[in-house]
Amino acid sequence: MVMQVCLLAFSNRITAQGPADLAFVDSVAPSQVAVRTNLLWWGTLTPNVGVDFRLSPKWSLGVNAGLNPWTFSENKKWKHLLIAPELRHWNKQTFQTPSSYWGLNAFYSHYNVGHVKFPFGLYREVRDHRLQGDLVALGLFYGRTWRLSRLFRMEAELGLGGGYTWYDKFECAVCGTKVGDDRKAFLVPKLALNLVLDPGRKVRIGRPVIIEPVDTVVPEKVEVLPVLKSRPLKPQTQGDVLMADNAVLQEFSHYKPYDRTRVMRRDSGALFVHFTVGKAELGRGFRQNAETLDRIVSITRQIMADPKSNVRLIQIIGFASIEGRVQPNEQLAQQRAEALKRYVQQQTGAADSLFELNNGGEAWAEFRDQVEEMLEQGRGDAAQLRQVLAVISEEPDADRREQRLRRLNGGRTWQYIKQSVLADQRNSGYLRIYFDRVPDRQAEQINRAAALLQQERYDEALSILNKVREDQRSWNALGVALYMTGHRAEALDYFQQAAAQGDADAQENLRQLEDKR
């Protein structure tokens, strides 16, 4: 895309000894792995550590572990081992600060606890007894994070979980006789204040700040921003791809009901399956049937499997040649259409409601068109072909018309017709698949944002792109919007992800930013 270059001007004041020092504003890009410890657990003398792994721009997976091996004075026991995996969804970007997140955690603990008084009246049983057992639980929590420095950030979390525990119960905290065992469900709150080691990449944005200004002013200096590319998407479904190579596929808006005046052999999308004389059994080994049937099945399966395409109609037209009496040929044409429908259904599972079967009967329109084509191309005896066309035009009754053609030139014309024309008319004729595109709403949003970027309305574009950032097609445009609104470390991260997916614009944008450094 073409963007007008933006200028960032500043006054550079100098002293007699030389120019003032310039500081640059730095940003910290999120890392891939973070290590943390819960300070509240340390308040209970429980050493603990947690590790988080970045899975995607908005998801992370982590695990916490804590161990308290101590026995305290006054017969207090607070021994336990705790392991707690968790999955987080970040409202902005994984590990980005400031930000918030929601999480799902599970935990397991083996404990030996006695003579301990919990706050708020919780777990009264361990005040006068010792409990030794195990527990499992599952909970939800909400958290926020703030960056303290390039290396460290802080997290605060609040949540609630429910679980199940089983334990042995003893008379006193340290020793004593076992007085029973129990199993029960429980609720447990989650409180955390995590100190996180997150050594993100320090990115210099390049906005100069004057530290020691003095009085003399020299001409302005400017930062020339790169012309970043973000071209609109061309929404493309699997149907579009298939339709480019298979004329049998058409959008439903192009649907045409069949009538017997249509010459189907002139349709570029026609796929013909052939039958032997007087038969309606579909044979894969006859003529090119195997190749045609495999193509029909493949196209049908692919378009039905495309979530962005909606199959509306599979149109099949059955034909019989002009040989024989009209009434049995009408039945034969219908049976041939039904045979092709059954085959497609068996191979694809398409519902009955998707099929439109048409009986083309005796293929007189096809026959006449083929004779006219032979005459135009100089194939065959021109005089005999003109006689055939004259009979077709003059005789309205199909049975009498056939008999007259059989008698032309002592039967010689009919023999030629049988060899050159009629073999192509014993078929299930024409098959067409009509479908609708399911609108690609996310592509529409991305294109709307791309148009706003061209108009330098970066904040509006960013607001739209934030809603579709789960779609990797948005990452390059999102990088442009972030960069031009000052979020350059985050922009760099999105450019890198888009480039890794093969986005040529993102690769070019990264090259420009690298050259600018």
Protein backbone atom coordinates (compact mmCIF):
# COMPACT_ATOMS: atom_id res chain seq x y z
CA MET A 1 0.00 0.00 0.00
CA VAL A 2 1.02 3.59 -0.39
CA MET A 3 1.23 5.65 2.78
CA GLN A 4 2.14 9.26 3.17
CA VAL A 5 5.40 9.47 5.13
CA CYS A 6 4.82 10.77 8.63
CA LEU A 7 7.34 13.13 10.22
CA LEU A 8 8.34 13.23 13.85
CA ALA A 9 10.09 16.51 14.53
CA PHE A 10 12.04 17.57 17.58
CA SER A 11 14.22 20.48 18.60
CA ASN A 12 17.87 19.64 19.17
CA ARG A 13 19.49 22.18 21.51
CA ILE A 14 23.31 22.40 21.74
CA THR A 15 25.86 23.94 24.06
CA ALA A 16 29.31 25.22 23.30
CA GLN A 17 30.71 21.83 24.21
CA GLY A 18 28.51 19.95 21.67
CA PRO A 19 25.04 18.44 21.28
CA ALA A 20 22.97 17.31 24.22
CA ASP A 21 22.66 13.56 24.93
CA LEU A 22 19.63 11.87 23.40
CA ALA A 23 17.66 9.04 25.11
CA PHE A 24 15.47 6.62 23.19
CA VAL A 25 12.17 5.20 24.40
CA ASP A 26 12.38 1.42 24.68
CA SER A 27 9.62 -1.18 24.53
CA VAL A 28 9.76 -4.79 25.66
CA ALA A 29 8.47 -7.45 23.28
CA PRO A 30 7.09 -10.59 24.98
CA SER A 31 9.28 -13.66 25.29
CA GLN A 32 8.36 -17.28 24.54
CA VAL A 33 8.94 -18.69 28.05
CA ALA A 34 8.41 -17.08 31.47
CA VAL A 35 9.38 -18.34 34.95
CA ARG A 36 7.44 -17.25 38.03
CA THR A 37 7.03 -17.76 41.76
CA ASN A 38 4.00 -17.06 43.97
CA LEU A 39 5.04 -14.66 46.75
CA LEU A 40 1.97 -15.60 48.83
CA TRP A 41 3.13 -19.23 48.93
CA TRP A 42 6.48 -18.04 50.24
CA GLY A 43 4.49 -16.36 53.03
CA THR A 44 3.52 -19.87 54.15
CA LEU A 45 7.18 -21.00 53.82
CA THR A 46 6.31 -23.00 50.70
CA PRO A 47 9.07 -22.83 48.05
CA ASN A 48 7.46 -22.82 44.60
CA VAL A 49 8.17 -22.24 40.94
CA GLY A 50 6.09 -22.03 37.77
CA VAL A 51 6.89 -22.07 34.06
CA ASP A 52 4.71 -20.60 31.24
CA PHE A 53 5.09 -21.42 27.55
CA ARG A 54 3.65 -19.20 24.84
CA LEU A 55 1.44 -21.28 22.49
CA SER A 56 0.07 -18.55 20.20
CA PRO A 57 -0.55 -14.79 20.19
CA LYS A 58 -3.28 -15.19 22.84
CA TRP A 59 -2.72 -18.57 24.55
CA SER A 60 -0.14 -19.88 27.03
CA LEU A 61 0.33 -23.15 28.92
CA GLY A 62 2.02 -23.38 32.30
CA VAL A 63 2.62 -25.54 35.35
CA ASN A 64 3.22 -24.62 39.02
CA ALA A 65 4.86 -26.76 41.66
CA GLY A 66 5.29 -26.18 45.40
CA LEU A 67 6.78 -28.20 48.25
CA ASN A 68 6.53 -27.56 51.99
CA PRO A 69 8.59 -30.15 53.88
CA TRP A 70 8.55 -28.45 57.29
CA THR A 71 7.27 -29.51 60.70
CA PHE A 72 6.84 -26.43 62.94
CA SER A 73 6.89 -25.90 66.66
CA GLU A 74 3.84 -26.43 68.83
CA ASN A 75 3.01 -29.65 67.00
CA LYS A 76 2.10 -27.85 63.77
CA LYS A 77 2.40 -29.69 60.49
CA TRP A 78 1.98 -28.02 57.09
CA LYS A 79 3.64 -30.54 54.79
CA HIS A 80 2.42 -30.79 51.24
CA LEU A 81 3.40 -31.28 47.62
CA LEU A 82 1.34 -29.36 45.04
CA ILE A 83 1.41 -29.61 41.22
CA ALA A 84 -0.92 -27.35 39.21
CA PRO A 85 -1.00 -27.13 35.37
CA GLU A 86 -2.93 -24.22 33.88
CA LEU A 87 -4.10 -22.82 30.52
CA ARG A 88 -4.46 -19.06 30.02
CA HIS A 89 -6.26 -16.93 27.43
CA TRP A 90 -4.88 -13.40 27.20
CA ASN A 91 -7.17 -10.50 26.41
CA LYS A 92 -4.44 -8.74 24.42
CA GLN A 93 -1.34 -10.72 23.53
CA THR A 94 0.44 -13.48 25.41
CA PHE A 95 2.70 -12.00 28.16
CA GLN A 96 2.01 -8.45 26.92
CA THR A 97 1.87 -5.77 29.62
CA PRO A 98 -0.28 -4.29 30.91
CA SER A 99 -2.88 -6.95 30.21
CA SER A 100 -5.38 -9.30 31.78
CA TYR A 101 -6.14 -12.98 31.27
CA TRP A 102 -8.55 -15.76 32.15
CA GLY A 103 -7.35 -19.19 33.10
CA LEU A 104 -8.33 -22.79 33.76
CA ASN A 105 -6.20 -24.72 36.23
CA ALA A 106 -6.11 -28.20 37.67
CA PHE A 107 -4.11 -29.26 40.70
CA TYR A 108 -3.08 -32.28 42.69
CA SER A 109 -1.69 -32.30 46.24
CA HIS A 110 -0.44 -34.86 48.72
CA TYR A 111 -0.64 -33.37 52.23
CA ASN A 112 0.09 -34.07 55.89
CA VAL A 113 -1.48 -31.23 57.88
CA GLY A 114 -2.26 -30.83 61.58
CA HIS A 115 -2.79 -28.28 64.35
CA VAL A 116 -3.11 -25.47 61.80
CA LYS A 117 -5.66 -22.68 62.04
CA PHE A 118 -6.75 -21.39 58.63
CA PRO A 119 -8.26 -17.90 58.25
CA PHE A 120 -11.98 -17.26 57.77
CA GLY A 121 -12.88 -20.47 59.60
CA LEU A 122 -11.72 -22.68 56.73
CA TYR A 123 -10.88 -26.36 57.22
CA ARG A 124 -11.73 -26.51 60.96
CA GLU A 125 -10.96 -30.21 61.15
CA VAL A 126 -7.17 -29.66 61.05
CA ARG A 127 -7.15 -27.44 64.15
CA ASP A 128 -7.28 -30.43 66.54
CA HIS A 129 -6.44 -33.37 64.27
CA ARG A 130 -3.89 -34.41 61.70
CA LEU A 131 -5.12 -35.20 58.20
CA GLN A 132 -2.97 -37.11 55.72
CA GLY A 133 -4.20 -37.68 52.19
CA ASP A 134 -4.56 -36.48 48.61
CA LEU A 135 -6.74 -34.04 46.72
CA VAL A 136 -7.54 -33.12 43.11
CA ALA A 137 -9.36 -30.00 41.95
CA LEU A 138 -10.29 -27.90 38.92
CA GLY A 139 -10.79 -24.14 38.95
CA LEU A 140 -11.15 -20.88 37.03
CA PHE A 141 -9.24 -17.69 37.71
CA TYR A 142 -8.74 -14.13 36.49
CA GLY A 143 -5.43 -12.27 36.53
CA ARG A 144 -3.68 -9.05 35.53
CA THR A 145 -0.02 -8.42 34.80
CA TRP A 146 2.23 -5.32 34.96
CA ARG A 147 5.84 -4.92 33.88
CA LEU A 148 8.29 -3.89 36.56
CA SER A 149 11.38 -3.81 34.36
CA ARG A 150 12.79 -5.41 31.25
CA LEU A 151 13.42 -8.63 33.21
CA PHE A 152 10.51 -8.75 35.62
CA ARG A 153 6.76 -8.30 35.73
CA MET A 154 4.12 -8.87 38.40
CA GLU A 155 0.90 -10.92 38.22
CA ALA A 156 -2.11 -10.82 40.55
CA GLU A 157 -4.68 -13.62 40.37
CA LEU A 158 -8.01 -14.43 42.00
CA GLY A 159 -10.03 -17.58 41.40
CA LEU A 160 -12.17 -20.39 42.77
CA GLY A 161 -11.97 -24.12 42.33
CA GLY A 162 -13.79 -27.23 43.36
CA GLY A 163 -12.40 -30.66 44.00
CA TYR A 164 -12.38 -33.93 45.90
CA THR A 165 -10.14 -35.17 48.71
CA TRP A 166 -9.58 -38.45 50.51
CA TYR A 167 -7.55 -38.73 53.74
CA ASP A 168 -6.79 -40.54 57.00
CA LYS A 169 -7.60 -38.73 60.26
CA PHE A 170 -5.44 -38.94 63.41
CA GLU A 171 -6.03 -37.78 67.02
CA CYS A 172 -3.26 -35.21 67.24
CA ALA A 173 -1.10 -33.18 64.89
CA VAL A 174 2.18 -35.14 65.15
CA CYS A 175 1.27 -38.61 66.27
CA GLY A 176 -1.78 -40.30 67.68
CA THR A 177 -4.15 -43.07 66.82
CA LYS A 178 -5.95 -43.17 63.54
CA VAL A 179 -9.57 -42.38 64.20
CA GLY A 180 -10.94 -42.86 60.71
CA ASP A 181 -10.83 -41.80 57.12
CA ASP A 182 -13.06 -39.69 54.97
CA ARG A 183 -13.77 -38.47 51.43
CA LYS A 184 -15.42 -35.20 50.62
CA ALA A 185 -15.86 -32.50 48.03
CA PHE A 186 -14.63 -29.01 48.77
CA LEU A 187 -14.21 -25.48 47.42
CA VAL A 188 -10.82 -23.81 47.46
CA PRO A 189 -10.01 -20.16 46.65
CA LYS A 190 -7.02 -19.21 44.55
CA LEU A 191 -4.90 -16.19 45.47
CA ALA A 192 -1.60 -15.46 43.80
CA LEU A 193 0.88 -12.63 43.60
CA ASN A 194 3.46 -13.84 41.12
CA LEU A 195 6.87 -12.35 40.49
CA VAL A 196 7.65 -13.30 36.89
CA LEU A 197 11.04 -13.50 35.18
CA ASP A 198 10.14 -12.57 31.58
CA PRO A 199 13.26 -11.35 29.73
CA GLY A 200 11.47 -9.94 26.71
CA ARG A 201 13.35 -8.44 23.78
CA LYS A 202 14.19 -4.78 24.31
CA VAL A 203 13.19 -2.90 21.17
CA ARG A 204 14.34 0.66 20.53
CA ILE A 205 11.47 2.61 19.04
CA GLY A 206 13.59 5.60 18.15
CA ARG A 207 11.66 8.55 19.54
CA PRO A 208 14.37 10.99 20.70
CA VAL A 209 13.99 12.70 24.07
CA ILE A 210 16.20 15.65 25.03
CA ILE A 211 17.88 15.20 28.40
CA GLU A 212 19.82 18.47 28.74
CA PRO A 213 18.17 21.19 26.68
CA VAL A 214 19.84 24.59 26.39
CA ASP A 215 19.03 27.72 24.51
CA THR A 216 20.48 27.49 20.98
CA VAL A 217 18.12 25.94 18.43
CA VAL A 218 19.19 24.25 15.19
CA PRO A 219 16.95 23.07 12.30
CA GLU A 220 14.51 20.25 12.93
CA LYS A 221 15.40 16.62 12.37
CA VAL A 222 12.76 14.14 11.37
CA GLU A 223 12.23 10.40 11.56
CA VAL A 224 11.16 9.03 8.18
CA LEU A 225 8.78 6.13 8.75
CA PRO A 226 8.85 3.24 6.29
CA VAL A 227 6.12 2.82 3.68
CA LEU A 228 4.59 -0.40 5.00
CA LYS A 229 2.51 -2.65 2.74
CA SER A 230 -0.92 -4.03 3.49
CA ARG A 231 -2.92 -5.05 0.42
CA PRO A 232 -6.60 -6.07 0.58
CA LEU A 233 -7.45 -9.76 0.68
CA LYS A 234 -9.27 -11.49 -2.13
CA PRO A 235 -11.73 -13.77 -0.33
CA GLN A 236 -11.41 -17.21 -1.89
CA THR A 237 -13.26 -20.36 -0.99
CA GLN A 238 -12.55 -23.91 -2.05
CA GLY A 239 -15.50 -23.44 -4.40
CA ASP A 240 -13.68 -20.61 -6.20
CA VAL A 241 -10.58 -22.77 -6.64
CA LEU A 242 -12.57 -25.74 -7.92
CA MET A 243 -14.76 -23.60 -10.20
CA ALA A 244 -11.68 -22.23 -11.96
CA ASP A 245 -10.82 -25.74 -13.22
CA ASN A 246 -14.26 -27.35 -13.38
CA ALA A 247 -17.01 -25.68 -15.39
CA VAL A 248 -19.49 -28.20 -13.97
CA LEU A 249 -19.48 -26.03 -10.82
CA GLN A 250 -21.56 -22.86 -10.95
CA GLU A 251 -22.84 -20.33 -8.43
CA PHE A 252 -26.53 -20.81 -7.71
CA SER A 253 -27.28 -17.35 -9.11
CA HIS A 254 -26.51 -18.87 -12.57
CA TYR A 255 -29.03 -21.70 -12.16
CA LYS A 256 -31.05 -22.55 -15.29
CA PRO A 257 -33.97 -24.99 -15.22
CA TYR A 258 -33.78 -27.61 -17.96
CA ASP A 259 -36.09 -27.65 -20.95
CA ARG A 260 -35.80 -29.89 -24.01
CA THR A 261 -34.95 -27.06 -26.37
CA ARG A 262 -31.56 -26.62 -24.71
CA VAL A 263 -28.60 -28.20 -26.48
CA MET A 264 -26.57 -29.60 -23.61
CA ARG A 265 -23.60 -30.65 -25.77
CA ARG A 266 -22.88 -26.94 -26.30
CA ASP A 267 -22.49 -26.39 -22.56
CA SER A 268 -18.80 -26.20 -21.66
CA GLY A 269 -19.54 -27.63 -18.23
CA ALA A 270 -21.29 -30.77 -19.43
CA LEU A 271 -20.04 -34.07 -18.04
CA PHE A 272 -21.41 -37.09 -19.91
CA VAL A 273 -21.68 -40.67 -18.64
CA HIS A 274 -22.46 -43.19 -21.40
CA PHE A 275 -24.63 -46.31 -21.52
CA THR A 276 -24.86 -49.29 -23.84
CA VAL A 277 -27.81 -49.59 -26.25
CA GLY A 278 -31.15 -49.97 -24.43
CA LYS A 279 -29.53 -50.24 -20.96
CA ALA A 280 -29.66 -48.11 -17.80
CA GLU A 281 -26.90 -49.93 -15.88
CA LEU A 282 -23.96 -47.61 -15.16
CA GLY A 283 -20.71 -49.29 -16.23
CA ARG A 284 -17.36 -47.81 -15.16
CA GLY A 285 -15.57 -49.76 -17.87
CA PHE A 286 -17.65 -48.39 -20.75
CA ARG A 287 -15.96 -45.67 -22.85
CA GLN A 288 -14.48 -42.95 -20.56
CA ASN A 289 -16.98 -43.51 -17.73
CA ALA A 290 -14.42 -44.36 -15.04
CA GLU A 291 -12.50 -41.10 -15.49
CA THR A 292 -15.70 -39.01 -15.66
CA LEU A 293 -17.29 -40.66 -12.62
CA ASP A 294 -14.14 -40.22 -10.52
CA ARG A 295 -14.07 -36.54 -11.46
CA ILE A 296 -17.75 -36.08 -10.55
CA VAL A 297 -17.26 -37.74 -7.16
CA SER A 298 -14.06 -35.81 -6.39
CA ILE A 299 -15.60 -32.42 -7.18
CA THR A 300 -18.76 -33.22 -5.23
CA ARG A 301 -16.85 -34.35 -2.14
CA GLN A 302 -14.59 -31.31 -2.13
CA ILE A 303 -17.34 -28.73 -2.54
CA MET A 304 -19.49 -30.43 0.13
CA ALA A 305 -16.53 -30.46 2.56
CA ASP A 306 -15.78 -26.76 2.11
CA PRO A 307 -17.18 -24.88 5.16
CA LYS A 308 -17.35 -21.68 3.10
CA SER A 309 -19.43 -23.19 0.30
CA ASN A 310 -23.04 -24.37 0.50
CA VAL A 311 -24.16 -26.93 -2.12
CA ARG A 312 -27.65 -25.99 -3.30
CA LEU A 313 -28.40 -28.33 -6.20
CA ILE A 314 -26.95 -31.23 -8.19
CA GLN A 315 -28.66 -31.18 -11.59
CA ILE A 316 -28.76 -34.41 -13.64
CA ILE A 317 -30.38 -34.83 -17.06
CA GLY A 318 -30.94 -38.28 -18.54
CA PHE A 319 -31.11 -38.89 -22.29
CA ALA A 320 -31.89 -41.68 -24.72
CA SER A 321 -30.96 -41.72 -28.39
CA ILE A 322 -33.61 -41.29 -31.07
CA GLU A 323 -33.58 -45.03 -31.87
CA GLY A 324 -36.74 -46.96 -31.03
CA ARG A 325 -40.22 -46.00 -29.81
CA VAL A 326 -40.72 -42.80 -27.82
CA GLN A 327 -42.45 -44.30 -24.75
CA PRO A 328 -39.75 -46.85 -23.79
CA ASN A 329 -37.05 -44.25 -24.54
CA GLU A 330 -38.70 -41.83 -22.10
CA GLN A 331 -38.52 -44.49 -19.37
CA LEU A 332 -34.92 -45.32 -20.29
CA ALA A 333 -33.81 -41.67 -20.07
CA GLN A 334 -35.35 -41.37 -16.59
CA GLN A 335 -33.71 -44.61 -15.42
CA ARG A 336 -30.31 -43.39 -16.63
CA ALA A 337 -30.63 -40.14 -14.65
CA GLU A 338 -31.59 -42.16 -11.55
CA ALA A 339 -28.60 -44.50 -12.04
CA LEU A 340 -26.16 -41.58 -11.99
CA LYS A 341 -27.87 -40.10 -8.93
CA ARG A 342 -27.54 -43.38 -7.01
CA TYR A 343 -23.86 -43.64 -7.86
CA VAL A 344 -23.10 -40.09 -6.70
CA GLN A 345 -25.09 -40.63 -3.47
CA GLN A 346 -23.28 -43.89 -2.67
CA GLN A 347 -19.89 -42.25 -3.12
CA THR A 348 -20.57 -38.88 -1.42
CA GLY A 349 -23.53 -39.31 0.94
CA ALA A 350 -25.37 -36.38 -0.69
CA ALA A 351 -28.98 -36.07 0.50
CA ASP A 352 -31.96 -36.67 -1.81
CA SER A 353 -32.99 -33.04 -1.42
CA LEU A 354 -29.83 -31.88 -3.21
CA PHE A 355 -30.70 -33.60 -6.50
CA GLU A 356 -32.78 -32.33 -9.40
CA LEU A 357 -33.48 -35.11 -11.93
CA ASN A 358 -34.60 -34.14 -15.43
CA ASN A 359 -35.86 -36.48 -18.14
CA GLY A 360 -34.46 -35.33 -21.48
CA GLY A 361 -36.20 -38.16 -23.32
CA GLU A 362 -35.07 -38.73 -26.90
CA ALA A 363 -32.20 -36.31 -27.58
CA TRP A 364 -33.61 -34.69 -30.74
CA ALA A 365 -32.18 -31.23 -29.95
CA GLU A 366 -28.75 -32.79 -29.44
CA PHE A 367 -29.13 -34.87 -32.63
CA ARG A 368 -30.12 -31.91 -34.81
CA ASP A 369 -27.28 -29.76 -33.47
CA GLN A 370 -24.72 -32.48 -34.17
CA VAL A 371 -25.96 -32.93 -37.76
CA GLU A 372 -25.79 -29.15 -38.34
CA GLU A 373 -22.25 -29.12 -36.98
CA MET A 374 -21.20 -31.93 -39.34
CA LEU A 375 -22.67 -29.99 -42.26
CA GLU A 376 -20.86 -26.78 -41.27
CA GLN A 377 -17.53 -28.61 -40.88
CA GLY A 378 -17.86 -30.49 -44.19
CA ARG A 379 -17.99 -33.92 -42.58
CA GLY A 380 -20.13 -36.51 -44.34
CA ASP A 381 -22.34 -36.23 -47.44
CA ALA A 382 -23.78 -32.70 -47.46
CA ALA A 383 -26.86 -33.67 -49.52
CA GLN A 384 -27.79 -36.48 -47.14
CA LEU A 385 -27.27 -34.27 -44.08
CA ARG A 386 -29.57 -31.61 -45.55
CA GLN A 387 -32.20 -34.31 -46.13
CA VAL A 388 -31.93 -35.33 -42.45
CA LEU A 389 -32.45 -31.72 -41.30
CA ALA A 390 -35.44 -31.35 -43.64
CA VAL A 391 -37.14 -34.44 -42.16
CA ILE A 392 -36.58 -33.18 -38.61
CA SER A 393 -38.14 -29.81 -39.47
CA GLU A 394 -41.09 -31.24 -41.41
CA GLU A 395 -42.25 -34.15 -39.22
CA PRO A 396 -43.62 -33.26 -35.74
CA ASP A 397 -44.26 -36.85 -34.62
CA ALA A 398 -41.04 -38.36 -33.23
CA ASP A 399 -41.85 -42.00 -34.10
CA ARG A 400 -42.77 -41.18 -37.74
CA ARG A 401 -39.74 -38.88 -37.96
CA GLU A 402 -37.41 -41.75 -37.03
CA GLN A 403 -39.07 -44.07 -39.60
CA ARG A 404 -38.62 -41.52 -42.38
CA LEU A 405 -34.90 -41.13 -41.47
CA ARG A 406 -34.46 -44.92 -41.57
CA ARG A 407 -35.79 -45.03 -45.16
CA LEU A 408 -33.61 -42.22 -46.57
CA ASN A 409 -31.42 -43.37 -49.47
CA GLY A 410 -32.35 -46.98 -48.99
CA GLY A 411 -31.15 -47.01 -45.36
CA ARG A 412 -27.60 -45.85 -46.16
CA THR A 413 -28.10 -42.50 -44.41
CA TRP A 414 -29.42 -44.22 -41.29
CA GLN A 415 -26.42 -46.53 -41.09
CA TYR A 416 -24.11 -43.52 -41.23
CA ILE A 417 -26.14 -41.76 -38.50
CA LYS A 418 -25.91 -44.81 -36.21
CA GLN A 419 -22.13 -44.96 -36.53
CA SER A 420 -21.37 -41.23 -36.35
CA VAL A 421 -24.03 -39.63 -34.14
CA LEU A 422 -26.24 -41.87 -32.03
CA ALA A 423 -23.55 -43.44 -29.85
CA ASP A 424 -23.01 -40.08 -28.10
CA GLN A 425 -26.68 -39.74 -27.11
CA ARG A 426 -27.08 -42.79 -24.91
CA ASN A 427 -26.10 -41.05 -21.69
CA SER A 428 -27.09 -39.53 -18.35
CA GLY A 429 -26.12 -36.46 -20.18
CA TYR A 430 -25.49 -33.40 -18.28
CA LEU A 431 -24.50 -32.87 -14.67
CA ARG A 432 -24.15 -29.48 -13.00
CA ILE A 433 -23.42 -28.62 -9.33
CA TYR A 434 -24.76 -25.30 -8.07
CA PHE A 435 -23.49 -23.80 -4.83
CA ASP A 436 -23.54 -20.62 -2.75
CA ARG A 437 -20.55 -18.96 -1.14
CA VAL A 438 -20.76 -18.56 2.63
CA PRO A 439 -19.66 -14.92 3.18
CA ASP A 440 -16.09 -14.58 4.50
CA ARG A 441 -16.92 -12.04 7.19
CA GLN A 442 -13.42 -11.88 8.62
CA ALA A 443 -11.93 -11.15 5.19
CA GLU A 444 -14.46 -8.35 4.81
CA GLN A 445 -13.34 -6.86 8.15
CA ILE A 446 -9.67 -7.14 7.21
CA ASN A 447 -10.30 -5.43 3.87
CA ARG A 448 -12.25 -2.66 5.58
CA ALA A 449 -9.29 -2.09 7.90
CA ALA A 450 -6.86 -2.16 4.94
CA ALA A 451 -8.87 0.62 3.31
CA LEU A 452 -8.65 2.66 6.53
CA LEU A 453 -4.87 2.13 6.60
CA GLN A 454 -4.64 3.60 3.10
CA GLN A 455 -6.52 6.64 4.40
CA GLU A 456 -4.08 6.88 7.36
CA ARG A 457 -6.95 6.26 9.81
CA TYR A 458 -4.75 3.96 11.87
CA ASP A 459 -6.66 3.97 15.17
CA GLU A 460 -9.92 2.97 13.43
CA ALA A 461 -8.13 0.22 11.50
CA LEU A 462 -6.54 -1.10 14.71
CA SER A 463 -9.94 -1.23 16.44
CA ILE A 464 -11.31 -3.44 13.64
CA LEU A 465 -8.24 -5.66 13.37
CA ASN A 466 -8.20 -6.34 17.11
CA LYS A 467 -11.53 -8.15 16.62
CA VAL A 468 -10.13 -10.53 13.98
CA ARG A 469 -6.58 -10.99 15.22
CA GLU A 470 -7.19 -14.75 15.62
CA ASP A 471 -7.26 -14.93 11.80
CA GLN A 472 -3.65 -15.16 10.62
CA ARG A 473 -4.60 -13.31 7.43
CA SER A 474 -4.97 -10.17 9.58
CA TRP A 475 -1.47 -10.28 11.10
CA ASN A 476 0.34 -8.16 8.52
CA ALA A 477 -2.33 -5.44 8.49
CA LEU A 478 -2.41 -5.60 12.29
CA GLY A 479 1.36 -5.11 12.33
CA VAL A 480 1.01 -1.99 10.15
CA ALA A 481 -1.74 -0.54 12.36
CA LEU A 482 0.23 -1.23 15.53
CA TYR A 483 3.43 0.24 14.11
CA MET A 484 1.75 3.43 12.94
CA THR A 485 0.04 3.91 16.32
CA GLY A 486 3.31 3.57 18.23
CA HIS A 487 3.09 -0.08 19.37
CA ARG A 488 6.19 -1.03 17.48
CA ALA A 489 7.43 -3.97 19.53
CA GLU A 490 4.06 -5.69 19.22
CA ALA A 491 3.94 -4.78 15.51
CA LEU A 492 7.29 -6.45 14.94
CA ASP A 493 5.99 -9.62 16.56
CA TYR A 494 2.98 -9.75 14.22
CA PHE A 495 5.11 -9.04 11.15
CA GLN A 496 7.36 -11.97 12.11
CA GLN A 497 4.40 -14.33 12.57
CA ALA A 498 2.81 -13.27 9.27
CA ALA A 499 6.13 -13.62 7.44
CA ALA A 500 6.58 -17.11 8.85
CA GLN A 501 3.19 -18.00 7.31
CA GLY A 502 4.46 -16.90 3.88
CA ASP A 503 2.90 -13.42 3.73
CA ALA A 504 4.99 -11.56 1.12
CA ASP A 505 3.91 -8.11 2.35
CA ALA A 506 4.96 -8.96 5.90
CA GLN A 507 8.34 -10.21 4.65
CA GLU A 508 8.86 -6.93 2.77
CA ASN A 509 7.80 -4.91 5.83
CA LEU A 510 10.30 -6.76 8.00
CA ARG A 511 13.05 -6.07 5.46
CA GLN A 512 12.24 -2.36 5.53
CA LEU A 513 12.33 -2.25 9.31
CA GLU A 514 15.63 -4.14 9.36
CA ASP A 515 17.13 -1.68 6.84
CA LYS A 516 15.88 1.22 8.92
CA ARG A 517 17.84 0.03 11.93
